[in-house]
Amino acid sequence: MKKGDCMKIRCGKIVELWESIRQGLRSHSQLKVDKRVASNLAKCAACVLASQSSNSSEWIAVLPRNCDKKAKELYIRRVLSSPLIDVS
């Protein structure tokens, strides 16, 4: 296995999880989730599941986005603090 192949496999698994969660959120009849919100929430959930941690710095490490660490941190913070996501 070449250097970097492990990360490609890991990112591939995250993308698979992301797609599966996103489709589930969009297809659930009782949830009225905006397409963009469903996609962003699914991406964050996939990172949490892939890292198997509650540590947000580990989520940032596996988030499949081409940007710096600070931008990833802001992205996760924006998604989780969105008023469109009701956790109650």
PDB file of N, CA and C in Angstrom:
ATOM      1  N   MET A   1       0.848  -1.173   0.000  1.00  0.00           N
ATOM      2  CA  MET A   1       0.000   0.000   0.000  1.00  0.00           C
ATOM      3  C   MET A   1       0.897   1.240   0.000  1.00  0.00           C
ATOM      4  N   LYS A   2       0.642   2.164  -0.919  1.00  0.00           N
ATOM      5  CA  LYS A   2       1.428   3.386  -1.017  1.00  0.00           C
ATOM      6  C   LYS A   2       1.051   4.356   0.089  1.00  0.00           C
ATOM      7  N   LYS A   3       1.977   5.288   0.339  1.00  0.00           N
ATOM      8  CA  LYS A   3       1.692   6.337   1.307  1.00  0.00           C
ATOM      9  C   LYS A   3       0.514   7.161   0.787  1.00  0.00           C
ATOM     10  N   GLY A   4      -0.460   7.401   1.617  1.00  0.00           N
ATOM     11  CA  GLY A   4      -1.647   8.148   1.215  1.00  0.00           C
ATOM     12  C   GLY A   4      -2.828   7.267   0.838  1.00  0.00           C
ATOM     13  N   ASP A   5      -2.566   5.987   0.523  1.00  0.00           N
ATOM     14  CA  ASP A   5      -3.657   5.086   0.155  1.00  0.00           C
ATOM     15  C   ASP A   5      -4.612   4.857   1.320  1.00  0.00           C
ATOM     16  N   CYS A   6      -4.067   4.778   2.527  1.00  0.00           N
ATOM     17  CA  CYS A   6      -4.899   4.557   3.719  1.00  0.00           C
ATOM     18  C   CYS A   6      -5.870   5.716   3.902  1.00  0.00           C
ATOM     19  N   MET A   7      -5.387   6.951   3.699  1.00  0.00           N
ATOM     20  CA  MET A   7      -6.254   8.118   3.846  1.00  0.00           C
ATOM     21  C   MET A   7      -7.324   8.134   2.766  1.00  0.00           C
ATOM     22  N   LYS A   8      -6.983   7.718   1.532  1.00  0.00           N
ATOM     23  CA  LYS A   8      -7.973   7.656   0.463  1.00  0.00           C
ATOM     24  C   LYS A   8      -9.072   6.662   0.802  1.00  0.00           C
ATOM     25  N   ILE A   9      -8.679   5.500   1.346  1.00  0.00           N
ATOM     26  CA  ILE A   9      -9.654   4.487   1.739  1.00  0.00           C
ATOM     27  C   ILE A   9     -10.539   5.037   2.848  1.00  0.00           C
ATOM     28  N   ARG A  10      -9.929   5.685   3.828  1.00  0.00           N
ATOM     29  CA  ARG A  10     -10.685   6.241   4.954  1.00  0.00           C
ATOM     30  C   ARG A  10     -11.656   7.312   4.472  1.00  0.00           C
ATOM     31  N   CYS A  11     -11.188   8.212   3.604  1.00  0.00           N
ATOM     32  CA  CYS A  11     -12.069   9.254   3.050  1.00  0.00           C
ATOM     33  C   CYS A  11     -13.177   8.632   2.222  1.00  0.00           C
ATOM     34  N   GLY A  12     -12.863   7.562   1.504  1.00  0.00           N
ATOM     35  CA  GLY A  12     -13.882   6.867   0.721  1.00  0.00           C
ATOM     36  C   GLY A  12     -14.977   6.305   1.609  1.00  0.00           C
ATOM     37  N   LYS A  13     -14.593   5.748   2.743  1.00  0.00           N
ATOM     38  CA  LYS A  13     -15.576   5.206   3.690  1.00  0.00           C
ATOM     39  C   LYS A  13     -16.425   6.324   4.281  1.00  0.00           C
ATOM     40  N   ILE A  14     -15.803   7.469   4.559  1.00  0.00           N
ATOM     41  CA  ILE A  14     -16.546   8.604   5.102  1.00  0.00           C
ATOM     42  C   ILE A  14     -17.560   9.097   4.079  1.00  0.00           C
ATOM     43  N   VAL A  15     -17.157   9.161   2.824  1.00  0.00           N
ATOM     44  CA  VAL A  15     -18.068   9.603   1.766  1.00  0.00           C
ATOM     45  C   VAL A  15     -19.222   8.616   1.623  1.00  0.00           C
ATOM     46  N   GLU A  16     -18.942   7.326   1.738  1.00  0.00           N
ATOM     47  CA  GLU A  16     -20.016   6.322   1.685  1.00  0.00           C
ATOM     48  C   GLU A  16     -20.993   6.514   2.841  1.00  0.00           C
ATOM     49  N   LEU A  17     -20.454   6.708   4.046  1.00  0.00           N
ATOM     50  CA  LEU A  17     -21.307   6.956   5.215  1.00  0.00           C
ATOM     51  C   LEU A  17     -22.127   8.223   5.014  1.00  0.00           C
ATOM     52  N   TRP A  18     -21.481   9.255   4.539  1.00  0.00           N
ATOM     53  CA  TRP A  18     -22.130  10.544   4.313  1.00  0.00           C
ATOM     54  C   TRP A  18     -23.307  10.385   3.362  1.00  0.00           C
ATOM     55  N   GLU A  19     -23.090   9.715   2.240  1.00  0.00           N
ATOM     56  CA  GLU A  19     -24.161   9.517   1.257  1.00  0.00           C
ATOM     57  C   GLU A  19     -25.322   8.721   1.845  1.00  0.00           C
ATOM     58  N   SER A  20     -24.987   7.689   2.608  1.00  0.00           N
ATOM     59  CA  SER A  20     -26.022   6.853   3.206  1.00  0.00           C
ATOM     60  C   SER A  20     -26.863   7.634   4.220  1.00  0.00           C
ATOM     61  N   ILE A  21     -26.212   8.404   5.077  1.00  0.00           N
ATOM     62  CA  ILE A  21     -26.927   9.209   6.079  1.00  0.00           C
ATOM     63  C   ILE A  21     -27.762  10.282   5.388  1.00  0.00           C
ATOM     64  N   ARG A  22     -27.175  10.950   4.388  1.00  0.00           N
ATOM     65  CA  ARG A  22     -27.875  12.010   3.663  1.00  0.00           C
ATOM     66  C   ARG A  22     -29.144  11.466   2.999  1.00  0.00           C
ATOM     67  N   GLN A  23     -29.021  10.314   2.353  1.00  0.00           N
ATOM     68  CA  GLN A  23     -30.187   9.710   1.700  1.00  0.00           C
ATOM     69  C   GLN A  23     -31.245   9.320   2.722  1.00  0.00           C
ATOM     70  N   GLY A  24     -30.803   8.816   3.867  1.00  0.00           N
ATOM     71  CA  GLY A  24     -31.739   8.448   4.927  1.00  0.00           C
ATOM     72  C   GLY A  24     -32.493   9.650   5.463  1.00  0.00           C
ATOM     73  N   LEU A  25     -31.779  10.751   5.680  1.00  0.00           N
ATOM     74  CA  LEU A  25     -32.430  11.969   6.162  1.00  0.00           C
ATOM     75  C   LEU A  25     -33.425  12.508   5.140  1.00  0.00           C
ATOM     76  N   ARG A  26     -33.055  12.465   3.871  1.00  0.00           N
ATOM     77  CA  ARG A  26     -33.915  12.995   2.817  1.00  0.00           C
ATOM     78  C   ARG A  26     -35.137  12.110   2.569  1.00  0.00           C
ATOM     79  N   SER A  27     -35.002  10.795   2.793  1.00  0.00           N
ATOM     80  CA  SER A  27     -36.109   9.888   2.484  1.00  0.00           C
ATOM     81  C   SER A  27     -37.073   9.683   3.651  1.00  0.00           C
ATOM     82  N   HIS A  28     -36.676  10.075   4.856  1.00  0.00           N
ATOM     83  CA  HIS A  28     -37.544   9.884   6.019  1.00  0.00           C
ATOM     84  C   HIS A  28     -38.750  10.810   5.890  1.00  0.00           C
ATOM     85  N   SER A  29     -39.934  10.230   5.872  1.00  0.00           N
ATOM     86  CA  SER A  29     -41.148  10.999   5.568  1.00  0.00           C
ATOM     87  C   SER A  29     -41.506  12.020   6.647  1.00  0.00           C
ATOM     88  N   GLN A  30     -41.207  11.753   7.897  1.00  0.00           N
ATOM     89  CA  GLN A  30     -41.595  12.664   8.967  1.00  0.00           C
ATOM     90  C   GLN A  30     -40.597  13.808   9.163  1.00  0.00           C
ATOM     91  N   LEU A  31     -39.386  13.653   8.652  1.00  0.00           N
ATOM     92  CA  LEU A  31     -38.389  14.711   8.772  1.00  0.00           C
ATOM     93  C   LEU A  31     -38.515  15.658   7.586  1.00  0.00           C
ATOM     94  N   LYS A  32     -38.620  16.916   7.881  1.00  0.00           N
ATOM     95  CA  LYS A  32     -38.645  17.916   6.819  1.00  0.00           C
ATOM     96  C   LYS A  32     -37.310  18.644   6.869  1.00  0.00           C
ATOM     97  N   VAL A  33     -36.320  18.011   6.282  1.00  0.00           N
ATOM     98  CA  VAL A  33     -34.957  18.521   6.344  1.00  0.00           C
ATOM     99  C   VAL A  33     -34.581  19.132   5.003  1.00  0.00           C
ATOM    100  N   ASP A  34     -34.104  20.354   5.054  1.00  0.00           N
ATOM    101  CA  ASP A  34     -33.599  21.024   3.858  1.00  0.00           C
ATOM    102  C   ASP A  34     -32.450  20.212   3.263  1.00  0.00           C
ATOM    103  N   LYS A  35     -32.363  20.212   1.946  1.00  0.00           N
ATOM    104  CA  LYS A  35     -31.345  19.421   1.237  1.00  0.00           C
ATOM    105  C   LYS A  35     -29.922  19.766   1.708  1.00  0.00           C
ATOM    106  N   ARG A  36     -29.629  21.058   1.834  1.00  0.00           N
ATOM    107  CA  ARG A  36     -28.305  21.496   2.256  1.00  0.00           C
ATOM    108  C   ARG A  36     -28.014  21.110   3.705  1.00  0.00           C
ATOM    109  N   VAL A  37     -29.006  21.274   4.570  1.00  0.00           N
ATOM    110  CA  VAL A  37     -28.844  20.923   5.985  1.00  0.00           C
ATOM    111  C   VAL A  37     -28.614  19.424   6.126  1.00  0.00           C
ATOM    112  N   ALA A  38     -29.375  18.626   5.381  1.00  0.00           N
ATOM    113  CA  ALA A  38     -29.224  17.168   5.427  1.00  0.00           C
ATOM    114  C   ALA A  38     -27.817  16.768   4.992  1.00  0.00           C
ATOM    115  N   SER A  39     -27.308  17.393   3.956  1.00  0.00           N
ATOM    116  CA  SER A  39     -25.977  17.074   3.457  1.00  0.00           C
ATOM    117  C   SER A  39     -24.902  17.456   4.467  1.00  0.00           C
ATOM    118  N   ASN A  40     -25.006  18.655   5.039  1.00  0.00           N
ATOM    119  CA  ASN A  40     -24.009  19.105   6.018  1.00  0.00           C
ATOM    120  C   ASN A  40     -24.051  18.278   7.300  1.00  0.00           C
ATOM    121  N   LEU A  41     -25.252  17.998   7.778  1.00  0.00           N
ATOM    122  CA  LEU A  41     -25.387  17.188   8.987  1.00  0.00           C
ATOM    123  C   LEU A  41     -24.875  15.769   8.751  1.00  0.00           C
ATOM    124  N   ALA A  42     -25.162  15.221   7.590  1.00  0.00           N
ATOM    125  CA  ALA A  42     -24.693  13.874   7.250  1.00  0.00           C
ATOM    126  C   ALA A  42     -23.166  13.830   7.193  1.00  0.00           C
ATOM    127  N   LYS A  43     -22.557  14.878   6.655  1.00  0.00           N
ATOM    128  CA  LYS A  43     -21.100  14.933   6.565  1.00  0.00           C
ATOM    129  C   LYS A  43     -20.475  14.937   7.965  1.00  0.00           C
ATOM    130  N   CYS A  44     -21.046  15.730   8.869  1.00  0.00           N
ATOM    131  CA  CYS A  44     -20.526  15.771  10.246  1.00  0.00           C
ATOM    132  C   CYS A  44     -20.761  14.446  10.970  1.00  0.00           C
ATOM    133  N   ALA A  45     -21.931  13.867  10.783  1.00  0.00           N
ATOM    134  CA  ALA A  45     -22.231  12.578  11.421  1.00  0.00           C
ATOM    135  C   ALA A  45     -21.296  11.483  10.922  1.00  0.00           C
ATOM    136  N   ALA A  46     -20.986  11.494   9.637  1.00  0.00           N
ATOM    137  CA  ALA A  46     -20.072  10.499   9.074  1.00  0.00           C
ATOM    138  C   ALA A  46     -18.680  10.642   9.684  1.00  0.00           C
ATOM    139  N   CYS A  47     -18.245  11.874   9.912  1.00  0.00           N
ATOM    140  CA  CYS A  47     -16.931  12.096  10.543  1.00  0.00           C
ATOM    141  C   CYS A  47     -16.915  11.593  11.978  1.00  0.00           C
ATOM    142  N   VAL A  48     -18.008  11.814  12.692  1.00  0.00           N
ATOM    143  CA  VAL A  48     -18.101  11.329  14.076  1.00  0.00           C
ATOM    144  C   VAL A  48     -18.052   9.806  14.100  1.00  0.00           C
ATOM    145  N   LEU A  49     -18.818   9.167  13.224  1.00  0.00           N
ATOM    146  CA  LEU A  49     -18.837   7.703  13.175  1.00  0.00           C
ATOM    147  C   LEU A  49     -17.492   7.129  12.736  1.00  0.00           C
ATOM    148  N   ALA A  50     -16.852   7.766  11.774  1.00  0.00           N
ATOM    149  CA  ALA A  50     -15.569   7.267  11.279  1.00  0.00           C
ATOM    150  C   ALA A  50     -14.467   7.418  12.315  1.00  0.00           C
ATOM    151  N   SER A  51     -14.479   8.521  13.054  1.00  0.00           N
ATOM    152  CA  SER A  51     -13.429   8.728  14.054  1.00  0.00           C
ATOM    153  C   SER A  51     -13.735   7.994  15.355  1.00  0.00           C
ATOM    154  N   GLN A  52     -14.991   7.636  15.561  1.00  0.00           N
ATOM    155  CA  GLN A  52     -15.442   6.947  16.778  1.00  0.00           C
ATOM    156  C   GLN A  52     -14.986   7.690  18.028  1.00  0.00           C
ATOM    157  N   SER A  53     -15.200   8.998  17.989  1.00  0.00           N
ATOM    158  CA  SER A  53     -14.736   9.844  19.081  1.00  0.00           C
ATOM    159  C   SER A  53     -15.681  11.017  19.263  1.00  0.00           C
ATOM    160  N   SER A  54     -15.704  11.555  20.473  1.00  0.00           N
ATOM    161  CA  SER A  54     -16.466  12.776  20.728  1.00  0.00           C
ATOM    162  C   SER A  54     -15.554  13.996  20.671  1.00  0.00           C
ATOM    163  N   ASN A  55     -14.311  13.793  20.309  1.00  0.00           N
ATOM    164  CA  ASN A  55     -13.320  14.852  20.228  1.00  0.00           C
ATOM    165  C   ASN A  55     -13.412  15.527  18.857  1.00  0.00           C
ATOM    166  N   SER A  56     -13.779  16.795  18.845  1.00  0.00           N
ATOM    167  CA  SER A  56     -13.980  17.486  17.565  1.00  0.00           C
ATOM    168  C   SER A  56     -12.692  17.648  16.761  1.00  0.00           C
ATOM    169  N   SER A  57     -11.543  17.630  17.408  1.00  0.00           N
ATOM    170  CA  SER A  57     -10.293  17.723  16.638  1.00  0.00           C
ATOM    171  C   SER A  57     -10.074  16.459  15.804  1.00  0.00           C
ATOM    172  N   GLU A  58     -10.587  15.336  16.251  1.00  0.00           N
ATOM    173  CA  GLU A  58     -10.515  14.106  15.457  1.00  0.00           C
ATOM    174  C   GLU A  58     -11.500  14.161  14.290  1.00  0.00           C
ATOM    175  N   TRP A  59     -12.644  14.803  14.490  1.00  0.00           N
ATOM    176  CA  TRP A  59     -13.600  14.970  13.394  1.00  0.00           C
ATOM    177  C   TRP A  59     -12.980  15.827  12.307  1.00  0.00           C
ATOM    178  N   ILE A  60     -12.291  16.889  12.735  1.00  0.00           N
ATOM    179  CA  ILE A  60     -11.642  17.807  11.798  1.00  0.00           C
ATOM    180  C   ILE A  60     -10.608  17.067  10.958  1.00  0.00           C
ATOM    181  N   ALA A  61      -9.896  16.142  11.591  1.00  0.00           N
ATOM    182  CA  ALA A  61      -8.844  15.402  10.883  1.00  0.00           C
ATOM    183  C   ALA A  61      -9.396  14.534   9.756  1.00  0.00           C
ATOM    184  N   VAL A  62     -10.607  14.030   9.914  1.00  0.00           N
ATOM    185  CA  VAL A  62     -11.165  13.129   8.897  1.00  0.00           C
ATOM    186  C   VAL A  62     -12.202  13.790   7.994  1.00  0.00           C
ATOM    187  N   LEU A  63     -12.522  15.045   8.246  1.00  0.00           N
ATOM    188  CA  LEU A  63     -13.508  15.745   7.416  1.00  0.00           C
ATOM    189  C   LEU A  63     -12.985  15.888   5.993  1.00  0.00           C
ATOM    190  N   PRO A  64     -13.689  15.313   5.008  1.00  0.00           N
ATOM    191  CA  PRO A  64     -13.192  15.354   3.627  1.00  0.00           C
ATOM    192  C   PRO A  64     -13.495  16.688   2.933  1.00  0.00           C
ATOM    193  N   ARG A  65     -12.768  17.708   3.306  1.00  0.00           N
ATOM    194  CA  ARG A  65     -12.896  19.037   2.682  1.00  0.00           C
ATOM    195  C   ARG A  65     -11.496  19.556   2.397  1.00  0.00           C
ATOM    196  N   ASN A  66     -11.340  20.208   1.274  1.00  0.00           N
ATOM    197  CA  ASN A  66     -10.035  20.750   0.889  1.00  0.00           C
ATOM    198  C   ASN A  66      -9.885  22.174   1.419  1.00  0.00           C
ATOM    199  N   CYS A  67      -9.589  22.280   2.705  1.00  0.00           N
ATOM    200  CA  CYS A  67      -9.370  23.581   3.327  1.00  0.00           C
ATOM    201  C   CYS A  67      -8.513  23.373   4.576  1.00  0.00           C
ATOM    202  N   ASP A  68      -8.135  24.470   5.201  1.00  0.00           N
ATOM    203  CA  ASP A  68      -7.273  24.357   6.382  1.00  0.00           C
ATOM    204  C   ASP A  68      -8.073  23.936   7.616  1.00  0.00           C
ATOM    205  N   LYS A  69      -7.354  23.644   8.665  1.00  0.00           N
ATOM    206  CA  LYS A  69      -7.943  23.119   9.900  1.00  0.00           C
ATOM    207  C   LYS A  69      -8.951  24.104  10.505  1.00  0.00           C
ATOM    208  N   LYS A  70      -8.621  25.378  10.494  1.00  0.00           N
ATOM    209  CA  LYS A  70      -9.506  26.393  11.083  1.00  0.00           C
ATOM    210  C   LYS A  70     -10.834  26.469  10.326  1.00  0.00           C
ATOM    211  N   ALA A  71     -10.768  26.390   8.997  1.00  0.00           N
ATOM    212  CA  ALA A  71     -11.998  26.427   8.191  1.00  0.00           C
ATOM    213  C   ALA A  71     -12.866  25.201   8.471  1.00  0.00           C
ATOM    214  N   LYS A  72     -12.242  24.043   8.659  1.00  0.00           N
ATOM    215  CA  LYS A  72     -13.005  22.836   8.993  1.00  0.00           C
ATOM    216  C   LYS A  72     -13.676  22.978  10.356  1.00  0.00           C
ATOM    217  N   GLU A  73     -12.948  23.560  11.303  1.00  0.00           N
ATOM    218  CA  GLU A  73     -13.495  23.774  12.641  1.00  0.00           C
ATOM    219  C   GLU A  73     -14.705  24.713  12.580  1.00  0.00           C
ATOM    220  N   LEU A  74     -14.602  25.789  11.826  1.00  0.00           N
ATOM    221  CA  LEU A  74     -15.713  26.720  11.672  1.00  0.00           C
ATOM    222  C   LEU A  74     -16.900  26.059  10.980  1.00  0.00           C
ATOM    223  N   TYR A  75     -16.631  25.206   9.995  1.00  0.00           N
ATOM    224  CA  TYR A  75     -17.695  24.489   9.287  1.00  0.00           C
ATOM    225  C   TYR A  75     -18.482  23.619  10.269  1.00  0.00           C
ATOM    226  N   ILE A  76     -17.777  22.835  11.080  1.00  0.00           N
ATOM    227  CA  ILE A  76     -18.448  21.957  12.052  1.00  0.00           C
ATOM    228  C   ILE A  76     -19.230  22.789  13.061  1.00  0.00           C
ATOM    229  N   ARG A  77     -18.644  23.865  13.535  1.00  0.00           N
ATOM    230  CA  ARG A  77     -19.324  24.728  14.506  1.00  0.00           C
ATOM    231  C   ARG A  77     -20.613  25.313  13.904  1.00  0.00           C
ATOM    232  N   ARG A  78     -20.548  25.776  12.645  1.00  0.00           N
ATOM    233  CA  ARG A  78     -21.729  26.337  11.980  1.00  0.00           C
ATOM    234  C   ARG A  78     -22.826  25.295  11.803  1.00  0.00           C
ATOM    235  N   VAL A  79     -22.440  24.103  11.407  1.00  0.00           N
ATOM    236  CA  VAL A  79     -23.429  23.038  11.185  1.00  0.00           C
ATOM    237  C   VAL A  79     -24.135  22.693  12.495  1.00  0.00           C
ATOM    238  N   LEU A  80     -23.354  22.488  13.542  1.00  0.00           N
ATOM    239  CA  LEU A  80     -23.945  22.058  14.815  1.00  0.00           C
ATOM    240  C   LEU A  80     -24.732  23.156  15.533  1.00  0.00           C
ATOM    241  N   SER A  81     -24.426  24.418  15.239  1.00  0.00           N
ATOM    242  CA  SER A  81     -25.155  25.510  15.889  1.00  0.00           C
ATOM    243  C   SER A  81     -26.307  26.035  15.039  1.00  0.00           C
ATOM    244  N   SER A  82     -26.568  25.403  13.921  1.00  0.00           N
ATOM    245  CA  SER A  82     -27.627  25.848  13.031  1.00  0.00           C
ATOM    246  C   SER A  82     -28.998  25.779  13.713  1.00  0.00           C
ATOM    247  N   PRO A  83     -29.797  26.837  13.613  1.00  0.00           N
ATOM    248  CA  PRO A  83     -31.138  26.809  14.194  1.00  0.00           C
ATOM    249  C   PRO A  83     -32.062  25.838  13.439  1.00  0.00           C
ATOM    250  N   LEU A  84     -31.632  25.396  12.256  1.00  0.00           N
ATOM    251  CA  LEU A  84     -32.446  24.444  11.490  1.00  0.00           C
ATOM    252  C   LEU A  84     -32.322  23.020  12.020  1.00  0.00           C
ATOM    253  N   ILE A  85     -31.378  22.805  12.926  1.00  0.00           N
ATOM    254  CA  ILE A  85     -31.194  21.484  13.514  1.00  0.00           C
ATOM    255  C   ILE A  85     -31.729  21.528  14.943  1.00  0.00           C
ATOM    256  N   ASP A  86     -32.810  20.833  15.168  1.00  0.00           N
ATOM    257  CA  ASP A  86     -33.440  20.787  16.487  1.00  0.00           C
ATOM    258  C   ASP A  86     -33.123  19.449  17.116  1.00  0.00           C
ATOM    259  N   VAL A  87     -32.382  19.461  18.210  1.00  0.00           N
ATOM    260  CA  VAL A  87     -31.975  18.215  18.851  1.00  0.00           C
ATOM    261  C   VAL A  87     -32.900  17.801  19.987  1.00  0.00           C
ATOM    262  N   SER A  88     -33.946  18.547  20.215  1.00  0.00           N
ATOM    263  CA  SER A  88     -34.853  18.194  21.322  1.00  0.00           C
ATOM    264  C   SER A  88     -35.876  17.164  20.916  1.00  0.00           C
TER     265      SER A  88
END
